Amino acid sequence: MANKPKKKQAAARKAAPKQDTDLGKRASLSTIRNWEIGAAVVGGGGYWFANDVQATMREHDLSRLGQGVPTVVQIHDPSYPQCTALQRTARSAMSGFELVFLVANINTEEGRAIATANGVGNVTLVLFDGEGRRREIIHGPSTKAQLEAAFANHLQRLAGS
């Protein structure tokens, strides 16, 4: 009978490493899962950031002016809060229109050149036809409704000419 307790103890010792192995597997799987979730979050953030950067670059590409599509150019100073507010409002108001939105940053040579050529300062939208001819200027902050009406009128005038 003395043999039986030793056998149980030996069996318990053999089982213990298996439990540690199971815990190690769980920890490993948990770590892998966490890394996969982290990679998905970082990848999604990177995708969003890359798209945002590309959209910003397209908006600042003033060579797109006069490429056959009516265009709205914002004369913009990024350090001026009213310019940033006008930019958000203009983007929102343009969602239902076939217009190109461009940003002429007055802190760049190209942006200053467009502002100077049109005799305007910041917090201004300049509306162009598809050939790049200036048709209208909107000065100062505006509401979304005001800009939607101005964009609709601009497109109607272009369709009538």
C-alpha atoms as a PDB file:
ATOM      1  CA  MET A   1       0.000   0.000   0.000  1.00  0.00           C
ATOM      2  CA  ALA A   2       2.921   2.303   0.490  1.00  0.00           C
ATOM      3  CA  ASN A   3       3.384   2.126  -3.228  1.00  0.00           C
ATOM      4  CA  LYS A   4       0.049   3.689  -4.057  1.00  0.00           C
ATOM      5  CA  PRO A   5       0.716   7.175  -2.576  1.00  0.00           C
ATOM      6  CA  LYS A   6       4.055   7.338  -4.374  1.00  0.00           C
ATOM      7  CA  LYS A   7       2.334   6.495  -7.632  1.00  0.00           C
ATOM      8  CA  LYS A   8      -0.232   9.231  -7.047  1.00  0.00           C
ATOM      9  CA  GLN A   9       2.508  11.731  -6.260  1.00  0.00           C
ATOM     10  CA  ALA A  10       4.428  10.738  -9.368  1.00  0.00           C
ATOM     11  CA  ALA A  11       1.295  11.015 -11.450  1.00  0.00           C
ATOM     12  CA  ALA A  12       0.620  14.465  -9.961  1.00  0.00           C
ATOM     13  CA  ARG A  13       4.166  15.567 -10.800  1.00  0.00           C
ATOM     14  CA  LYS A  14       3.778  14.355 -14.380  1.00  0.00           C
ATOM     15  CA  ALA A  15       0.455  16.196 -14.707  1.00  0.00           C
ATOM     16  CA  ALA A  16       1.847  19.478 -13.365  1.00  0.00           C
ATOM     17  CA  PRO A  17       4.093  20.230 -16.350  1.00  0.00           C
ATOM     18  CA  LYS A  18       1.141  19.573 -18.646  1.00  0.00           C
ATOM     19  CA  GLN A  19      -0.886  22.241 -16.814  1.00  0.00           C
ATOM     20  CA  ASP A  20       2.024  24.686 -17.124  1.00  0.00           C
ATOM     21  CA  THR A  21       2.227  23.867 -20.814  1.00  0.00           C
ATOM     22  CA  ASP A  22      -1.507  24.531 -21.217  1.00  0.00           C
ATOM     23  CA  LEU A  23      -1.127  27.892 -19.484  1.00  0.00           C
ATOM     24  CA  GLY A  24       1.859  28.697 -21.695  1.00  0.00           C
ATOM     25  CA  LYS A  25      -0.171  27.879 -24.805  1.00  0.00           C
ATOM     26  CA  ARG A  26      -3.035  30.090 -23.624  1.00  0.00           C
ATOM     27  CA  ALA A  27      -0.684  32.953 -22.891  1.00  0.00           C
ATOM     28  CA  SER A  28       0.958  32.539 -26.296  1.00  0.00           C
ATOM     29  CA  LEU A  29      -2.389  32.482 -28.089  1.00  0.00           C
ATOM     30  CA  SER A  30      -3.533  35.512 -26.115  1.00  0.00           C
ATOM     31  CA  THR A  31      -0.349  37.369 -27.025  1.00  0.00           C
ATOM     32  CA  ILE A  32      -0.744  36.463 -30.696  1.00  0.00           C
ATOM     33  CA  ARG A  33      -4.368  37.624 -30.640  1.00  0.00           C
ATOM     34  CA  ASN A  34      -3.370  40.921 -29.016  1.00  0.00           C
ATOM     35  CA  TRP A  35      -0.640  41.479 -31.617  1.00  0.00           C
ATOM     36  CA  GLU A  36      -3.117  40.769 -34.417  1.00  0.00           C
ATOM     37  CA  ILE A  37      -5.595  43.269 -32.966  1.00  0.00           C
ATOM     38  CA  GLY A  38      -2.811  45.821 -32.552  1.00  0.00           C
ATOM     39  CA  ALA A  39      -1.651  45.279 -36.137  1.00  0.00           C
ATOM     40  CA  ALA A  40      -5.201  45.785 -37.415  1.00  0.00           C
ATOM     41  CA  VAL A  41      -5.588  49.014 -35.426  1.00  0.00           C
ATOM     42  CA  VAL A  42      -2.216  50.366 -36.552  1.00  0.00           C
ATOM     43  CA  GLY A  43      -2.882  49.306 -40.144  1.00  0.00           C
ATOM     44  CA  GLY A  44      -6.305  50.951 -40.141  1.00  0.00           C
ATOM     45  CA  GLY A  45      -4.839  54.118 -38.678  1.00  0.00           C
ATOM     46  CA  GLY A  46      -2.074  54.100 -41.260  1.00  0.00           C
ATOM     47  CA  TYR A  47      -4.588  53.628 -44.065  1.00  0.00           C
ATOM     48  CA  TRP A  48      -6.702  56.531 -42.797  1.00  0.00           C
ATOM     49  CA  PHE A  49      -3.610  58.730 -42.385  1.00  0.00           C
ATOM     50  CA  ALA A  50      -2.339  57.917 -45.889  1.00  0.00           C
ATOM     51  CA  ASN A  51      -5.740  58.715 -47.416  1.00  0.00           C
ATOM     52  CA  ASP A  52      -5.933  61.964 -45.454  1.00  0.00           C
ATOM     53  CA  VAL A  53      -2.464  63.014 -46.614  1.00  0.00           C
ATOM     54  CA  GLN A  54      -3.312  62.179 -50.238  1.00  0.00           C
ATOM     55  CA  ALA A  55      -6.562  64.161 -50.067  1.00  0.00           C
ATOM     56  CA  THR A  56      -4.728  67.139 -48.590  1.00  0.00           C
ATOM     57  CA  MET A  57      -2.085  66.949 -51.294  1.00  0.00           C
ATOM     58  CA  ARG A  58      -4.775  66.872 -53.999  1.00  0.00           C
ATOM     59  CA  GLU A  59      -6.476  69.903 -52.459  1.00  0.00           C
ATOM     60  CA  HIS A  60      -3.199  71.846 -52.544  1.00  0.00           C
ATOM     61  CA  ASP A  61      -2.423  70.908 -56.169  1.00  0.00           C
ATOM     62  CA  LEU A  62      -3.343  74.217 -57.778  1.00  0.00           C
ATOM     63  CA  SER A  63      -2.368  72.894 -61.222  1.00  0.00           C
ATOM     64  CA  ARG A  64      -5.806  71.218 -61.249  1.00  0.00           C
ATOM     65  CA  LEU A  65      -7.391  74.649 -61.779  1.00  0.00           C
ATOM     66  CA  GLY A  66      -8.739  75.033 -65.315  1.00  0.00           C
ATOM     67  CA  GLN A  67      -8.845  71.296 -66.073  1.00  0.00           C
ATOM     68  CA  GLY A  68     -12.444  71.344 -67.338  1.00  0.00           C
ATOM     69  CA  VAL A  69     -14.284  71.177 -63.991  1.00  0.00           C
ATOM     70  CA  PRO A  70     -15.652  74.233 -62.140  1.00  0.00           C
ATOM     71  CA  THR A  71     -13.423  74.873 -59.159  1.00  0.00           C
ATOM     72  CA  VAL A  72     -13.612  76.574 -55.782  1.00  0.00           C
ATOM     73  CA  VAL A  73     -10.262  77.831 -54.490  1.00  0.00           C
ATOM     74  CA  GLN A  74      -9.985  78.837 -50.869  1.00  0.00           C
ATOM     75  CA  ILE A  75      -7.376  81.472 -50.115  1.00  0.00           C
ATOM     76  CA  HIS A  76      -6.177  79.981 -46.849  1.00  0.00           C
ATOM     77  CA  ASP A  77      -3.900  80.824 -43.946  1.00  0.00           C
ATOM     78  CA  PRO A  78      -3.674  77.661 -41.789  1.00  0.00           C
ATOM     79  CA  SER A  79      -2.796  79.683 -38.677  1.00  0.00           C
ATOM     80  CA  TYR A  80      -5.991  81.743 -38.929  1.00  0.00           C
ATOM     81  CA  PRO A  81      -9.008  80.115 -37.196  1.00  0.00           C
ATOM     82  CA  GLN A  82     -11.572  81.736 -39.533  1.00  0.00           C
ATOM     83  CA  CYS A  83      -9.802  80.152 -42.512  1.00  0.00           C
ATOM     84  CA  THR A  84      -9.947  76.729 -40.905  1.00  0.00           C
ATOM     85  CA  ALA A  85     -13.654  77.192 -40.115  1.00  0.00           C
ATOM     86  CA  LEU A  86     -14.386  78.336 -43.688  1.00  0.00           C
ATOM     87  CA  GLN A  87     -12.510  75.311 -45.030  1.00  0.00           C
ATOM     88  CA  ARG A  88     -14.639  72.881 -42.983  1.00  0.00           C
ATOM     89  CA  THR A  89     -17.855  74.659 -43.985  1.00  0.00           C
ATOM     90  CA  ALA A  90     -16.915  74.793 -47.676  1.00  0.00           C
ATOM     91  CA  ARG A  91     -16.016  71.092 -47.766  1.00  0.00           C
ATOM     92  CA  SER A  92     -19.316  70.230 -46.132  1.00  0.00           C
ATOM     93  CA  ALA A  93     -21.325  72.483 -48.464  1.00  0.00           C
ATOM     94  CA  MET A  94     -19.671  71.022 -51.589  1.00  0.00           C
ATOM     95  CA  SER A  95     -20.769  67.449 -50.918  1.00  0.00           C
ATOM     96  CA  GLY A  96     -23.681  67.628 -53.355  1.00  0.00           C
ATOM     97  CA  PHE A  97     -21.965  69.526 -56.176  1.00  0.00           C
ATOM     98  CA  GLU A  98     -19.711  68.656 -59.096  1.00  0.00           C
ATOM     99  CA  LEU A  99     -16.976  71.056 -58.072  1.00  0.00           C
ATOM    100  CA  VAL A 100     -13.286  70.700 -57.349  1.00  0.00           C
ATOM    101  CA  PHE A 101     -12.138  72.169 -54.032  1.00  0.00           C
ATOM    102  CA  LEU A 102      -8.587  73.522 -53.900  1.00  0.00           C
ATOM    103  CA  VAL A 103      -6.681  75.297 -51.157  1.00  0.00           C
ATOM    104  CA  ALA A 104      -4.265  78.129 -51.931  1.00  0.00           C
ATOM    105  CA  ASN A 105      -2.107  78.430 -48.820  1.00  0.00           C
ATOM    106  CA  ILE A 106      -0.946  82.056 -48.679  1.00  0.00           C
ATOM    107  CA  ASN A 107       2.197  80.914 -46.865  1.00  0.00           C
ATOM    108  CA  THR A 108       3.410  79.337 -50.122  1.00  0.00           C
ATOM    109  CA  GLU A 109       4.602  81.130 -53.238  1.00  0.00           C
ATOM    110  CA  GLU A 110       1.934  79.501 -55.389  1.00  0.00           C
ATOM    111  CA  GLY A 111      -0.851  80.337 -52.927  1.00  0.00           C
ATOM    112  CA  ARG A 112       0.234  83.972 -52.640  1.00  0.00           C
ATOM    113  CA  ALA A 113       0.371  84.208 -56.444  1.00  0.00           C
ATOM    114  CA  ILE A 114      -3.281  83.111 -56.782  1.00  0.00           C
ATOM    115  CA  ALA A 115      -4.382  85.491 -54.011  1.00  0.00           C
ATOM    116  CA  THR A 116      -2.490  88.382 -55.593  1.00  0.00           C
ATOM    117  CA  ALA A 117      -3.705  87.610 -59.127  1.00  0.00           C
ATOM    118  CA  ASN A 118      -7.313  87.722 -57.892  1.00  0.00           C
ATOM    119  CA  GLY A 119      -6.823  90.685 -55.545  1.00  0.00           C
ATOM    120  CA  VAL A 120      -8.022  88.817 -52.452  1.00  0.00           C
ATOM    121  CA  GLY A 121      -6.799  87.918 -48.975  1.00  0.00           C
ATOM    122  CA  ASN A 122      -7.420  84.976 -46.710  1.00  0.00           C
ATOM    123  CA  VAL A 123     -10.882  83.816 -45.563  1.00  0.00           C
ATOM    124  CA  THR A 124     -11.971  83.994 -49.195  1.00  0.00           C
ATOM    125  CA  LEU A 125     -13.372  81.567 -51.747  1.00  0.00           C
ATOM    126  CA  VAL A 126     -12.752  82.210 -55.443  1.00  0.00           C
ATOM    127  CA  LEU A 127     -15.108  80.407 -57.843  1.00  0.00           C
ATOM    128  CA  PHE A 128     -13.739  79.519 -61.268  1.00  0.00           C
ATOM    129  CA  ASP A 129     -15.291  78.015 -64.386  1.00  0.00           C
ATOM    130  CA  GLY A 130     -13.908  74.843 -65.958  1.00  0.00           C
ATOM    131  CA  GLU A 131     -11.353  76.807 -67.989  1.00  0.00           C
ATOM    132  CA  GLY A 132      -9.936  78.509 -64.915  1.00  0.00           C
ATOM    133  CA  ARG A 133     -11.572  81.918 -65.383  1.00  0.00           C
ATOM    134  CA  ARG A 134     -12.619  83.663 -62.186  1.00  0.00           C
ATOM    135  CA  ARG A 135     -16.406  84.054 -61.995  1.00  0.00           C
ATOM    136  CA  GLU A 136     -17.156  85.005 -58.403  1.00  0.00           C
ATOM    137  CA  ILE A 137     -15.528  85.856 -55.082  1.00  0.00           C
ATOM    138  CA  ILE A 138     -17.010  85.054 -51.673  1.00  0.00           C
ATOM    139  CA  HIS A 139     -15.382  87.050 -48.834  1.00  0.00           C
ATOM    140  CA  GLY A 140     -15.433  86.159 -45.172  1.00  0.00           C
ATOM    141  CA  PRO A 141     -16.995  83.425 -43.114  1.00  0.00           C
ATOM    142  CA  SER A 142     -20.196  81.890 -44.467  1.00  0.00           C
ATOM    143  CA  THR A 143     -22.735  79.353 -43.324  1.00  0.00           C
ATOM    144  CA  LYS A 144     -23.177  76.018 -45.031  1.00  0.00           C
ATOM    145  CA  ALA A 145     -26.564  77.154 -46.406  1.00  0.00           C
ATOM    146  CA  GLN A 146     -25.040  80.346 -47.836  1.00  0.00           C
ATOM    147  CA  LEU A 147     -22.268  78.407 -49.531  1.00  0.00           C
ATOM    148  CA  GLU A 148     -24.639  75.767 -50.904  1.00  0.00           C
ATOM    149  CA  ALA A 149     -26.747  78.544 -52.454  1.00  0.00           C
ATOM    150  CA  ALA A 150     -23.643  80.253 -53.869  1.00  0.00           C
ATOM    151  CA  PHE A 151     -22.337  76.993 -55.353  1.00  0.00           C
ATOM    152  CA  ALA A 152     -25.745  76.178 -56.891  1.00  0.00           C
ATOM    153  CA  ASN A 153     -25.972  79.684 -58.400  1.00  0.00           C
ATOM    154  CA  HIS A 154     -22.428  79.411 -59.711  1.00  0.00           C
ATOM    155  CA  LEU A 155     -23.164  76.117 -61.473  1.00  0.00           C
ATOM    156  CA  GLN A 156     -26.481  77.441 -62.854  1.00  0.00           C
ATOM    157  CA  ARG A 157     -24.737  80.516 -64.305  1.00  0.00           C
ATOM    158  CA  LEU A 158     -22.095  78.292 -65.885  1.00  0.00           C
ATOM    159  CA  ALA A 159     -24.757  76.021 -67.381  1.00  0.00           C
ATOM    160  CA  GLY A 160     -26.559  79.061 -68.822  1.00  0.00           C
ATOM    161  CA  SER A 161     -23.468  80.549 -70.467  1.00  0.00           C
END
